[in-house]
Amino acid sequence: MTHHPVRRLARGVAVAGLAALALAVPLSAPASADDSREDIFRRLQADQVPADYVVLVDTSSSMATSNLYGGVRATLGSFLGGLSPSDHVALFTFDEDAVPRYIGPAGNTSRMLAELPATATGSSTDIGRAIEQAVGELERPGAAAVASVVLITDGAHSPASSSDYPQSTGPAWSTLKARAAKLKATSVKGYALPLSGESGASLLGSVVRGTTVLDPSAVAQLGAYLDRSKTGARLGKAKVLLAADQGKGVTATWEAPATADLTGRDAPVTLTLRSDTTHTPLTVTGLSASIADGPQVTGDLPDRVDLAPGEARTFPLALRWDRDPLPIPFRDSDTSNGPLALIGQVTAPWAKALSPDIDLRTRATVAGDPRTVTVTSTVGTWTAQAIAAAAAALVLMLLALILYLRKRAPQSGTLVAVSPMTGQEVARFPLRGRLTRFGGPPLTGEGTVVARRVPRQDTNTDGVEYEITFRRLDRTDTTTLPSRGSVLLGGMAFEHQPPPEPIPARR
């Protein structure tokens, strides 16, 4: 392999790494689904990611025909001048051998062009040797993760007899292909630009996978085709930056007490949404927070949350438990032990513009472990329960009294005690109120009378009957006395006499 002083000089150039650029790049404005790839590359500052450009230019004598070589030189000036200062350029010419003309950082276009020969005078076209130099350049320590190999030629592979690549195939080509497959660069693209129909430029594709064979019909179109390699390199730079974001999304975390009493008050909780990406902005929609088994999560969650890379946003919420009170305000406690859960859809505004070349594979839903909270809530109070119980007892007592009073009718008329032996009246007692006590001389005994309502019938037109309890000596007897009727009880006859009918007033 032929070495050149320029190559030795290039070995000393330190390449600032991707590591510095792997830090998140702050967005100057919110990302939008309408961002173009150019917008995305600018936001990513993709041009600051170093890329390797290896340019192989045919200088065989056929390139002098119709001033092909002069047109290539002129076009290369514009192409090389448009590279980023962080890019690394290796410029080779090839004919019977491949000669490095410039190896170093981009930016010094005039020097690069000055190193090119003024005319194309080579006697052979060794494309194999040129590709070998390109592979060797990309094998160097510190090579960039993104690389483009551009091959420009107008002829078929026609090497000198001493070439290691005498044919278009063979062991040397297989070895070269194996070396290219082991390159550490994550993105290596080849661009073959044949300037004639019989060109061997397509041989680049046999070594570098993913080679695109472009077909400019004239040197004037060469610049536009060369720009494709820059576009491909920028996409490769974006891939390098976004690789760490693939499969990432948004994580939710909760700040909440382990236990909370929600009786008559809310318990504050905090939701934090954090973007897990380094470079990719994310959007969360359809947010909904909940907790199982009765309680609710209250507060304002926006319909849309835009998160810059690595950004976290916090939302104050609250736990509430609106339990329906019991019909009677008895004290009642309930406990719920459930997880705080969140639903939300996550999208990447850049996904459409980057597809299909870069698939971000953003997690579609918000991730995060639910926070389990034990909450209690009490309705009613002991005081209310006591008052309610007392009120219920009072109502029951009133109902019992009403029933009692409805059953115990007011008494009227007179209870007459008659000797059953003589038929003579012994005593009489007026019946008043709902309980009448009677007894004393000349009646040898005492008792009580209560009245109760009964259905009216022919034998009892008043609808009242009297229950008489009579105690005489050591014996107590009870019986029922119909209104206007008589009974024998405890050796004494008792009869009921109704009150006298009122005398009509004289007119």
Protein backbone atom coordinates (compact mmCIF):
# COMPACT_ATOMS: atom_id res chain seq x y z
CA MET A 1 0.00 0.00 0.00
CA THR A 2 1.34 3.41 -0.94
CA HIS A 3 1.47 5.96 1.89
CA HIS A 4 1.39 9.70 1.50
CA PRO A 5 2.68 12.44 3.83
CA VAL A 6 -0.79 13.90 3.90
CA ARG A 7 -2.09 10.71 5.48
CA ARG A 8 0.57 10.80 8.20
CA LEU A 9 -0.37 14.40 8.92
CA ALA A 10 -4.03 13.46 9.20
CA ARG A 11 -3.30 10.80 11.80
CA GLY A 12 -2.44 13.60 14.21
CA VAL A 13 -5.75 15.40 13.81
CA ALA A 14 -7.93 14.85 16.87
CA VAL A 15 -11.58 14.30 16.13
CA ALA A 16 -13.91 15.63 18.80
CA GLY A 17 -16.26 12.80 19.49
CA LEU A 18 -19.87 12.08 19.27
CA ALA A 19 -19.88 11.83 23.03
CA ALA A 20 -20.09 15.58 23.42
CA LEU A 21 -22.88 15.76 20.89
CA ALA A 22 -24.81 12.98 22.58
CA LEU A 23 -25.96 15.55 25.13
CA ALA A 24 -29.48 16.82 24.64
CA VAL A 25 -29.79 19.77 22.31
CA PRO A 26 -32.33 22.29 23.62
CA LEU A 27 -35.07 23.15 21.18
CA SER A 28 -35.39 26.82 20.33
CA ALA A 29 -39.12 26.39 19.67
CA PRO A 30 -41.67 23.67 20.31
CA ALA A 31 -41.39 20.76 17.93
CA SER A 32 -44.18 20.34 15.44
CA ALA A 33 -45.58 17.48 13.37
CA ASP A 34 -45.06 19.84 10.41
CA ASP A 35 -41.28 19.94 10.91
CA SER A 36 -39.45 18.88 7.77
CA ARG A 37 -36.31 16.78 7.80
CA GLU A 38 -34.32 19.96 7.31
CA ASP A 39 -35.99 21.45 10.39
CA ILE A 40 -35.20 18.29 12.36
CA PHE A 41 -31.56 18.22 11.25
CA ARG A 42 -31.22 21.86 12.27
CA ARG A 43 -32.82 21.28 15.68
CA LEU A 44 -30.59 18.26 16.21
CA GLN A 45 -27.56 20.26 15.11
CA ALA A 46 -26.77 17.20 13.05
CA ASP A 47 -24.04 19.04 11.13
CA GLN A 48 -21.97 19.09 14.29
CA VAL A 49 -21.77 15.30 14.21
CA PRO A 50 -18.56 14.34 12.37
CA ALA A 51 -18.82 12.29 9.20
CA ASP A 52 -16.17 10.72 6.98
CA TYR A 53 -16.20 11.52 3.26
CA VAL A 54 -13.91 9.43 1.06
CA VAL A 55 -13.86 10.78 -2.52
CA LEU A 56 -12.26 8.64 -5.24
CA VAL A 57 -11.61 10.51 -8.53
CA ASP A 58 -10.53 8.74 -11.74
CA THR A 59 -7.47 10.42 -13.30
CA SER A 60 -6.94 7.99 -16.16
CA SER A 61 -6.30 9.67 -19.53
CA SER A 62 -9.83 8.97 -20.73
CA MET A 63 -11.07 11.53 -18.17
CA ALA A 64 -9.33 14.21 -20.23
CA THR A 65 -11.77 13.56 -23.08
CA SER A 66 -14.30 16.37 -23.42
CA ASN A 67 -12.70 17.92 -20.34
CA LEU A 68 -14.46 15.46 -18.01
CA TYR A 69 -11.74 15.82 -15.42
CA GLY A 70 -11.91 19.62 -15.47
CA GLY A 71 -15.66 19.50 -14.91
CA VAL A 72 -15.20 17.06 -12.03
CA ARG A 73 -12.62 19.36 -10.40
CA ALA A 74 -14.94 22.34 -10.66
CA THR A 75 -17.91 20.42 -9.28
CA LEU A 76 -15.86 18.96 -6.43
CA GLY A 77 -15.02 22.48 -5.29
CA SER A 78 -18.68 23.27 -4.68
CA PHE A 79 -19.32 19.88 -3.08
CA LEU A 80 -16.35 19.99 -0.71
CA GLY A 81 -17.07 23.59 0.21
CA GLY A 82 -20.53 22.61 1.44
CA LEU A 83 -19.30 20.07 4.02
CA SER A 84 -19.46 20.77 7.73
CA PRO A 85 -16.29 21.86 9.54
CA SER A 86 -16.62 18.78 11.77
CA ASP A 87 -16.44 16.43 8.77
CA HIS A 88 -13.34 14.50 7.78
CA VAL A 89 -12.31 14.34 4.11
CA ALA A 90 -10.07 11.81 2.39
CA LEU A 91 -9.53 12.75 -1.27
CA PHE A 92 -7.90 10.16 -3.55
CA THR A 93 -7.13 10.07 -7.23
CA PHE A 94 -6.64 6.75 -8.98
CA ASP A 95 -5.38 5.41 -12.26
CA GLU A 96 -2.69 2.69 -12.19
CA ASP A 97 -2.45 3.37 -8.41
CA ALA A 98 -4.57 5.20 -5.80
CA VAL A 99 -2.90 8.31 -4.40
CA PRO A 100 -4.11 10.26 -1.32
CA ARG A 101 -4.28 13.95 -2.24
CA TYR A 102 -5.81 15.39 0.91
CA ILE A 103 -6.73 13.81 4.27
CA GLY A 104 -7.95 16.07 7.00
CA PRO A 105 -10.83 18.22 8.20
CA ALA A 106 -13.28 19.80 5.81
CA GLY A 107 -13.29 23.55 5.38
CA ASN A 108 -10.08 24.14 3.43
CA THR A 109 -11.50 23.59 -0.06
CA SER A 110 -8.82 25.55 -1.91
CA ARG A 111 -6.09 23.42 -0.39
CA MET A 112 -7.94 20.22 -1.30
CA LEU A 113 -8.31 21.28 -4.91
CA ALA A 114 -4.70 22.45 -5.06
CA GLU A 115 -3.56 18.93 -4.19
CA LEU A 116 -5.37 17.47 -7.21
CA PRO A 117 -3.34 17.01 -10.41
CA ALA A 118 -4.01 19.59 -13.10
CA THR A 119 -4.77 17.01 -15.78
CA ALA A 120 -5.75 13.36 -16.04
CA THR A 121 -2.90 11.40 -17.65
CA GLY A 122 -3.00 7.94 -16.07
CA SER A 123 -2.60 4.87 -18.24
CA SER A 124 -4.80 2.47 -16.26
CA THR A 125 -7.99 2.46 -14.15
CA ASP A 126 -7.58 0.39 -10.97
CA ILE A 127 -10.95 0.73 -9.28
CA GLY A 128 -10.12 -2.14 -6.88
CA ARG A 129 -7.08 -0.28 -5.58
CA ALA A 130 -9.13 2.90 -5.10
CA ILE A 131 -11.83 1.10 -3.09
CA GLU A 132 -9.12 -0.58 -1.01
CA GLN A 133 -7.79 2.85 -0.05
CA ALA A 134 -11.30 3.94 0.93
CA VAL A 135 -11.79 0.91 3.17
CA GLY A 136 -8.39 1.47 4.74
CA GLU A 137 -9.30 5.08 5.51
CA LEU A 138 -12.53 4.02 7.26
CA GLU A 139 -10.61 1.43 9.30
CA ARG A 140 -8.48 4.07 10.95
CA PRO A 141 -8.78 4.64 14.73
CA GLY A 142 -11.24 7.40 15.49
CA ALA A 143 -13.18 6.99 12.27
CA ALA A 144 -16.59 8.63 12.37
CA ALA A 145 -19.79 6.67 12.89
CA VAL A 146 -21.17 8.06 9.62
CA ALA A 147 -19.28 7.60 6.35
CA SER A 148 -19.80 8.18 2.64
CA VAL A 149 -17.64 6.77 -0.14
CA VAL A 150 -17.99 8.61 -3.48
CA LEU A 151 -16.49 7.00 -6.59
CA ILE A 152 -16.27 9.04 -9.83
CA THR A 153 -15.02 7.32 -13.00
CA ASP A 154 -15.69 7.15 -16.71
CA GLY A 155 -14.18 3.78 -17.47
CA ALA A 156 -14.33 0.12 -16.71
CA HIS A 157 -11.98 -1.58 -14.27
CA SER A 158 -8.74 -1.78 -16.24
CA PRO A 159 -5.81 -2.19 -13.85
CA ALA A 160 -2.11 -2.55 -14.52
CA SER A 161 -0.71 -6.09 -14.75
CA SER A 162 0.82 -5.77 -11.29
CA SER A 163 -2.51 -4.95 -9.61
CA ASP A 164 -3.89 -7.08 -6.78
CA TYR A 165 -7.26 -6.76 -8.55
CA PRO A 166 -6.59 -8.03 -12.07
CA GLN A 167 -10.24 -8.91 -12.64
CA SER A 168 -13.58 -7.58 -11.37
CA THR A 169 -13.85 -10.57 -9.04
CA GLY A 170 -11.43 -12.80 -7.20
CA PRO A 171 -9.87 -13.46 -3.78
CA ALA A 172 -8.67 -9.90 -3.32
CA TRP A 173 -12.19 -8.60 -3.88
CA SER A 174 -13.59 -11.11 -1.35
CA THR A 175 -11.04 -10.02 1.23
CA LEU A 176 -11.86 -6.37 0.61
CA LYS A 177 -15.58 -7.07 1.01
CA ALA A 178 -14.94 -8.88 4.32
CA ARG A 179 -12.94 -5.90 5.61
CA ALA A 180 -15.72 -3.52 4.65
CA ALA A 181 -18.28 -5.66 6.49
CA LYS A 182 -16.26 -5.26 9.71
CA LEU A 183 -16.13 -1.46 9.66
CA LYS A 184 -17.15 0.02 13.00
CA ALA A 185 -19.08 2.86 11.43
CA THR A 186 -22.82 2.50 12.08
CA SER A 187 -23.72 4.06 8.72
CA VAL A 188 -21.59 3.55 5.61
CA LYS A 189 -23.08 4.58 2.28
CA GLY A 190 -21.54 4.27 -1.16
CA TYR A 191 -22.26 6.53 -4.13
CA ALA A 192 -20.99 5.37 -7.54
CA LEU A 193 -21.04 8.01 -10.28
CA PRO A 194 -20.28 6.51 -13.70
CA LEU A 195 -19.55 9.18 -16.30
CA SER A 196 -19.95 6.77 -19.20
CA GLY A 197 -22.05 3.74 -19.99
CA GLU A 198 -19.13 1.31 -19.72
CA SER A 199 -17.95 2.54 -16.33
CA GLY A 200 -16.90 0.14 -13.57
CA ALA A 201 -18.25 2.44 -10.87
CA SER A 202 -20.82 -0.15 -9.87
CA LEU A 203 -17.98 -2.28 -8.48
CA LEU A 204 -18.21 -0.12 -5.35
CA GLY A 205 -21.50 -1.88 -4.56
CA SER A 206 -19.74 -5.27 -4.48
CA VAL A 207 -17.72 -4.05 -1.47
CA VAL A 208 -19.83 -1.43 0.29
CA ARG A 209 -23.34 -2.61 0.96
CA GLY A 210 -26.00 0.00 0.41
CA THR A 211 -24.22 1.62 -2.50
CA THR A 212 -26.36 3.76 -4.77
CA VAL A 213 -25.32 3.92 -8.43
CA LEU A 214 -26.16 7.37 -9.76
CA ASP A 215 -26.23 8.10 -13.44
CA PRO A 216 -25.48 11.69 -14.36
CA SER A 217 -25.86 12.10 -18.11
CA ALA A 218 -23.45 15.03 -18.07
CA VAL A 219 -20.80 16.53 -15.80
CA ALA A 220 -23.11 19.48 -15.25
CA GLN A 221 -25.42 17.19 -13.28
CA LEU A 222 -22.61 15.84 -11.16
CA GLY A 223 -23.07 18.49 -8.44
CA ALA A 224 -26.70 17.55 -7.83
CA TYR A 225 -25.78 13.88 -7.58
CA LEU A 226 -22.89 14.59 -5.23
CA ASP A 227 -25.29 16.45 -2.97
CA ARG A 228 -27.15 13.18 -2.47
CA SER A 229 -24.18 11.87 -0.56
CA LYS A 230 -24.34 14.89 1.74
CA THR A 231 -28.06 14.35 2.26
CA GLY A 232 -27.45 10.70 3.04
CA ALA A 233 -24.67 11.63 5.45
CA ARG A 234 -26.93 14.08 7.29
CA LEU A 235 -29.54 11.37 7.62
CA GLY A 236 -26.86 9.06 8.95
CA LYS A 237 -25.82 11.72 11.47
CA ALA A 238 -29.43 12.04 12.60
CA LYS A 239 -29.61 8.26 12.99
CA VAL A 240 -26.55 8.30 15.21
CA LEU A 241 -28.04 11.00 17.41
CA LEU A 242 -31.47 9.41 17.58
CA ALA A 243 -30.33 5.83 18.12
CA ALA A 244 -30.42 6.24 21.90
CA ASP A 245 -34.03 7.51 21.70
CA GLN A 246 -35.42 4.51 19.87
CA GLY A 247 -37.96 2.68 22.00
CA LYS A 248 -38.05 5.47 24.58
CA GLY A 249 -41.14 7.33 25.73
CA VAL A 250 -42.65 9.10 28.73
CA THR A 251 -42.56 7.89 32.34
CA ALA A 252 -45.08 8.91 35.00
CA THR A 253 -44.25 9.12 38.70
CA TRP A 254 -46.53 9.91 41.61
CA GLU A 255 -45.97 11.73 44.86
CA ALA A 256 -48.72 10.57 47.19
CA PRO A 257 -49.13 9.57 50.85
CA ALA A 258 -49.24 5.87 51.65
CA THR A 259 -52.48 6.44 53.57
CA ALA A 260 -54.97 9.30 53.53
CA ASP A 261 -58.18 10.14 55.38
CA LEU A 262 -60.57 11.74 52.89
CA THR A 263 -63.31 12.52 55.41
CA GLY A 264 -64.49 15.99 54.53
CA ARG A 265 -61.29 16.96 52.71
CA ASP A 266 -59.03 16.17 49.75
CA ALA A 267 -55.52 14.73 49.89
CA PRO A 268 -53.00 16.41 47.54
CA VAL A 269 -51.01 14.22 45.12
CA THR A 270 -48.53 15.18 42.42
CA LEU A 271 -48.10 13.67 38.96
CA THR A 272 -44.81 14.13 37.09
CA LEU A 273 -44.40 13.30 33.41
CA ARG A 274 -40.79 12.94 32.27
CA SER A 275 -39.47 12.45 28.76
CA ASP A 276 -36.94 9.60 28.59
CA THR A 277 -35.42 10.83 25.33
CA THR A 278 -32.18 12.71 24.75
CA HIS A 279 -32.97 14.42 21.46
CA THR A 280 -36.55 13.59 20.43
CA PRO A 281 -39.48 15.80 21.51
CA LEU A 282 -42.61 13.93 22.57
CA THR A 283 -46.32 14.70 22.87
CA VAL A 284 -48.77 13.15 25.33
CA THR A 285 -52.52 13.24 24.67
CA GLY A 286 -55.63 11.68 26.21
CA LEU A 287 -54.39 11.96 29.80
CA SER A 288 -56.68 10.44 32.41
CA ALA A 289 -55.82 9.69 36.06
CA SER A 290 -57.81 7.35 38.28
CA ILE A 291 -57.74 5.26 41.44
CA ALA A 292 -59.65 2.04 41.93
CA ASP A 293 -62.59 1.17 44.18
CA GLY A 294 -64.48 4.36 44.83
CA PRO A 295 -62.20 7.40 45.29
CA GLN A 296 -61.51 9.85 42.45
CA VAL A 297 -58.45 11.76 41.22
CA THR A 298 -59.41 15.38 40.67
CA GLY A 299 -57.57 18.30 39.11
CA ASP A 300 -56.76 19.75 35.72
CA LEU A 301 -54.86 17.59 33.26
CA PRO A 302 -54.30 19.30 29.89
CA ASP A 303 -55.53 17.73 26.69
CA ARG A 304 -52.00 17.89 25.30
CA VAL A 305 -48.58 17.94 26.92
CA ASP A 306 -45.50 18.73 24.81
CA LEU A 307 -42.23 17.57 26.33
CA ALA A 308 -38.81 18.64 25.14
CA PRO A 309 -36.09 15.96 25.33
CA GLY A 310 -35.51 15.06 28.98
CA GLU A 311 -38.09 17.58 30.17
CA ALA A 312 -40.29 16.91 33.20
CA ARG A 313 -43.62 18.58 33.92
CA THR A 314 -45.50 18.39 37.20
CA PHE A 315 -49.26 18.57 37.74
CA PRO A 316 -50.89 19.08 41.17
CA LEU A 317 -53.91 16.82 41.65
CA ALA A 318 -55.98 15.61 44.59
CA LEU A 319 -57.66 12.49 45.92
CA ARG A 320 -61.35 12.88 46.74
CA TRP A 321 -64.01 10.48 47.93
CA ASP A 322 -67.56 11.79 47.55
CA ARG A 323 -69.55 9.11 49.31
CA ASP A 324 -73.34 9.34 49.30
CA PRO A 325 -74.61 9.77 52.88
CA LEU A 326 -76.83 7.08 54.35
CA PRO A 327 -80.56 7.82 54.59
CA ILE A 328 -80.06 7.88 58.35
CA PRO A 329 -76.84 9.72 59.29
CA PHE A 330 -75.27 6.79 61.09
CA ARG A 331 -71.50 6.88 61.30
CA ASP A 332 -69.99 4.64 58.59
CA SER A 333 -66.32 4.23 57.56
CA ASP A 334 -65.02 2.67 54.34
CA THR A 335 -61.49 1.86 53.16
CA SER A 336 -60.08 1.52 49.66
CA ASN A 337 -56.65 0.21 48.76
CA GLY A 338 -55.95 0.86 45.10
CA PRO A 339 -53.26 2.01 42.66
CA LEU A 340 -52.98 5.48 41.17
CA ALA A 341 -53.11 4.81 37.44
CA LEU A 342 -52.57 6.99 34.39
CA ILE A 343 -53.68 6.59 30.79
CA GLY A 344 -52.00 8.59 28.03
CA GLN A 345 -50.94 8.20 24.39
CA VAL A 346 -47.40 9.19 23.43
CA THR A 347 -46.33 10.27 19.95
CA ALA A 348 -43.19 11.77 18.44
CA PRO A 349 -43.87 14.82 16.22
CA TRP A 350 -40.82 13.94 14.13
CA ALA A 351 -41.87 10.37 13.35
CA LYS A 352 -43.65 11.14 10.07
CA ALA A 353 -40.86 13.27 8.61
CA LEU A 354 -38.16 10.72 9.48
CA SER A 355 -40.07 7.66 8.32
CA PRO A 356 -39.20 5.23 6.84
CA ASP A 357 -35.46 5.87 7.10
CA ILE A 358 -35.53 6.33 10.88
CA ASP A 359 -38.07 4.47 12.98
CA LEU A 360 -38.14 5.99 16.46
CA ARG A 361 -40.33 3.15 17.83
CA THR A 362 -41.63 5.51 20.50
CA ARG A 363 -43.51 3.78 23.33
CA ALA A 364 -47.17 4.40 22.57
CA THR A 365 -48.39 4.71 26.16
CA VAL A 366 -47.16 6.42 29.30
CA ALA A 367 -45.06 4.05 31.40
CA GLY A 368 -44.45 3.99 35.14
CA ASP A 369 -45.31 1.89 38.17
CA PRO A 370 -48.68 2.75 39.74
CA ARG A 371 -48.53 4.10 43.30
CA THR A 372 -50.81 2.22 45.71
CA VAL A 373 -52.63 4.39 48.26
CA THR A 374 -54.86 3.31 51.15
CA VAL A 375 -57.66 5.84 51.71
CA THR A 376 -60.49 5.98 54.22
CA SER A 377 -63.67 8.02 54.35
CA THR A 378 -66.34 8.39 57.03
CA VAL A 379 -69.89 9.65 56.66
CA GLY A 380 -72.04 10.63 59.63
CA THR A 381 -70.86 11.25 63.22
CA TRP A 382 -71.37 9.65 66.59
CA THR A 383 -73.36 12.71 67.65
CA ALA A 384 -75.57 12.52 64.58
CA GLN A 385 -75.97 8.82 65.14
CA ALA A 386 -77.00 9.36 68.77
CA ILE A 387 -79.43 12.11 67.80
CA ALA A 388 -80.83 9.94 65.01
CA ALA A 389 -81.20 7.00 67.39
CA ALA A 390 -82.93 9.19 69.97
CA ALA A 391 -85.22 10.62 67.34
CA ALA A 392 -86.01 7.13 66.08
CA ALA A 393 -86.79 5.96 69.64
CA LEU A 394 -89.00 8.98 70.19
CA VAL A 395 -90.86 8.29 66.98
CA LEU A 396 -91.33 4.69 67.99
CA MET A 397 -92.60 5.77 71.39
CA LEU A 398 -95.02 8.19 69.79
CA LEU A 399 -96.21 5.51 67.42
CA ALA A 400 -96.65 3.10 70.31
CA LEU A 401 -98.51 5.75 72.25
CA ILE A 402 -100.74 6.50 69.31
CA LEU A 403 -101.45 2.85 68.87
CA TYR A 404 -102.05 2.52 72.57
CA LEU A 405 -104.36 5.49 72.61
CA ARG A 406 -106.15 4.28 69.53
CA LYS A 407 -106.66 0.93 71.22
CA ARG A 408 -107.62 2.36 74.65
CA ALA A 409 -110.82 4.30 74.05
CA PRO A 410 -112.12 7.01 76.43
CA GLN A 411 -114.53 5.64 79.03
CA SER A 412 -118.03 6.93 79.58
CA GLY A 413 -121.07 6.02 81.62
CA THR A 414 -121.16 4.27 85.02
CA LEU A 415 -119.95 0.94 86.39
CA VAL A 416 -122.58 -0.47 88.77
CA ALA A 417 -121.76 -3.27 91.24
CA VAL A 418 -124.82 -5.43 92.11
CA SER A 419 -125.12 -8.25 94.62
CA PRO A 420 -125.94 -11.39 92.65
CA MET A 421 -127.73 -12.82 95.67
CA THR A 422 -130.14 -9.96 96.37
CA GLY A 423 -130.05 -8.02 93.14
CA GLN A 424 -129.44 -4.90 95.18
CA GLU A 425 -126.99 -2.22 94.02
CA VAL A 426 -123.85 -2.26 96.10
CA ALA A 427 -121.92 0.67 94.60
CA ARG A 428 -121.52 2.69 91.46
CA PHE A 429 -118.45 4.26 89.93
CA PRO A 430 -118.35 6.89 87.16
CA LEU A 431 -116.11 5.91 84.23
CA ARG A 432 -113.81 8.71 83.04
CA GLY A 433 -110.59 8.89 80.98
CA ARG A 434 -108.83 5.77 79.86
CA LEU A 435 -108.34 4.07 83.23
CA THR A 436 -110.75 3.95 86.16
CA ARG A 437 -109.92 2.57 89.56
CA PHE A 438 -112.78 1.46 91.78
CA GLY A 439 -113.26 -0.13 95.19
CA GLY A 440 -113.74 0.63 98.87
CA PRO A 441 -116.76 0.15 101.19
CA PRO A 442 -119.32 -1.01 100.79
CA LEU A 443 -117.61 -3.03 97.97
CA THR A 444 -115.38 -5.69 99.46
CA GLY A 445 -112.64 -5.59 96.85
CA GLU A 446 -111.01 -3.27 94.28
CA GLY A 447 -110.26 -3.21 90.61
CA THR A 448 -109.54 -1.31 87.43
CA VAL A 449 -111.43 -0.63 84.25
CA VAL A 450 -109.99 0.14 80.82
CA ALA A 451 -111.87 0.58 77.58
CA ARG A 452 -110.91 -0.48 74.10
CA ARG A 453 -112.40 0.01 70.70
CA VAL A 454 -114.12 -2.88 68.98
CA PRO A 455 -116.07 -3.10 65.74
CA ARG A 456 -119.60 -1.84 66.07
CA GLN A 457 -122.25 -4.50 65.89
CA ASP A 458 -125.89 -5.03 66.83
CA THR A 459 -124.98 -6.20 70.33
CA ASN A 460 -122.51 -3.35 70.82
CA THR A 461 -123.62 -0.24 69.04
CA ASP A 462 -121.13 1.98 70.92
CA GLY A 463 -118.06 0.16 69.44
CA VAL A 464 -116.48 0.04 72.95
CA GLU A 465 -115.98 -2.73 75.48
CA TYR A 466 -114.57 -2.63 78.99
CA GLU A 467 -111.98 -4.85 80.55
CA ILE A 468 -112.57 -5.27 84.30
CA THR A 469 -109.95 -6.59 86.67
CA PHE A 470 -111.37 -7.30 90.17
CA ARG A 471 -109.29 -8.30 93.19
CA ARG A 472 -111.17 -9.73 96.17
CA LEU A 473 -109.41 -11.32 99.10
CA ASP A 474 -106.56 -13.32 97.55
CA ARG A 475 -108.14 -13.72 94.14
CA THR A 476 -107.89 -11.61 91.02
CA ASP A 477 -110.21 -12.08 88.07
CA THR A 478 -110.42 -10.33 84.73
CA THR A 479 -113.25 -10.31 82.23
CA THR A 480 -114.75 -8.22 79.45
CA LEU A 481 -117.85 -6.12 79.95
CA PRO A 482 -119.70 -5.12 76.80
CA SER A 483 -121.00 -1.57 76.59
CA ARG A 484 -124.51 -1.54 78.17
CA GLY A 485 -123.93 -5.14 79.23
CA SER A 486 -123.34 -7.05 82.49
CA VAL A 487 -120.97 -9.76 83.78
CA LEU A 488 -120.36 -11.83 86.90
CA LEU A 489 -116.85 -11.46 88.26
CA GLY A 490 -115.33 -12.54 91.59
CA GLY A 491 -118.70 -13.16 93.18
CA MET A 492 -120.00 -9.75 92.18
CA ALA A 493 -122.19 -8.69 89.30
CA PHE A 494 -121.05 -5.65 87.26
CA GLU A 495 -123.05 -3.80 84.70
CA HIS A 496 -122.38 -0.83 82.44
CA GLN A 497 -124.83 1.99 82.26
CA PRO A 498 -124.35 4.51 79.42
CA PRO A 499 -124.41 8.19 80.16
CA PRO A 500 -127.88 9.75 80.07
CA GLU A 501 -129.04 11.09 76.77
CA PRO A 502 -128.84 14.89 76.61
CA ILE A 503 -132.20 16.64 77.05
CA PRO A 504 -133.07 18.63 73.93
CA ALA A 505 -133.16 22.32 74.56
CA ARG A 506 -136.63 23.86 74.56
CA ARG A 507 -137.44 26.34 71.88
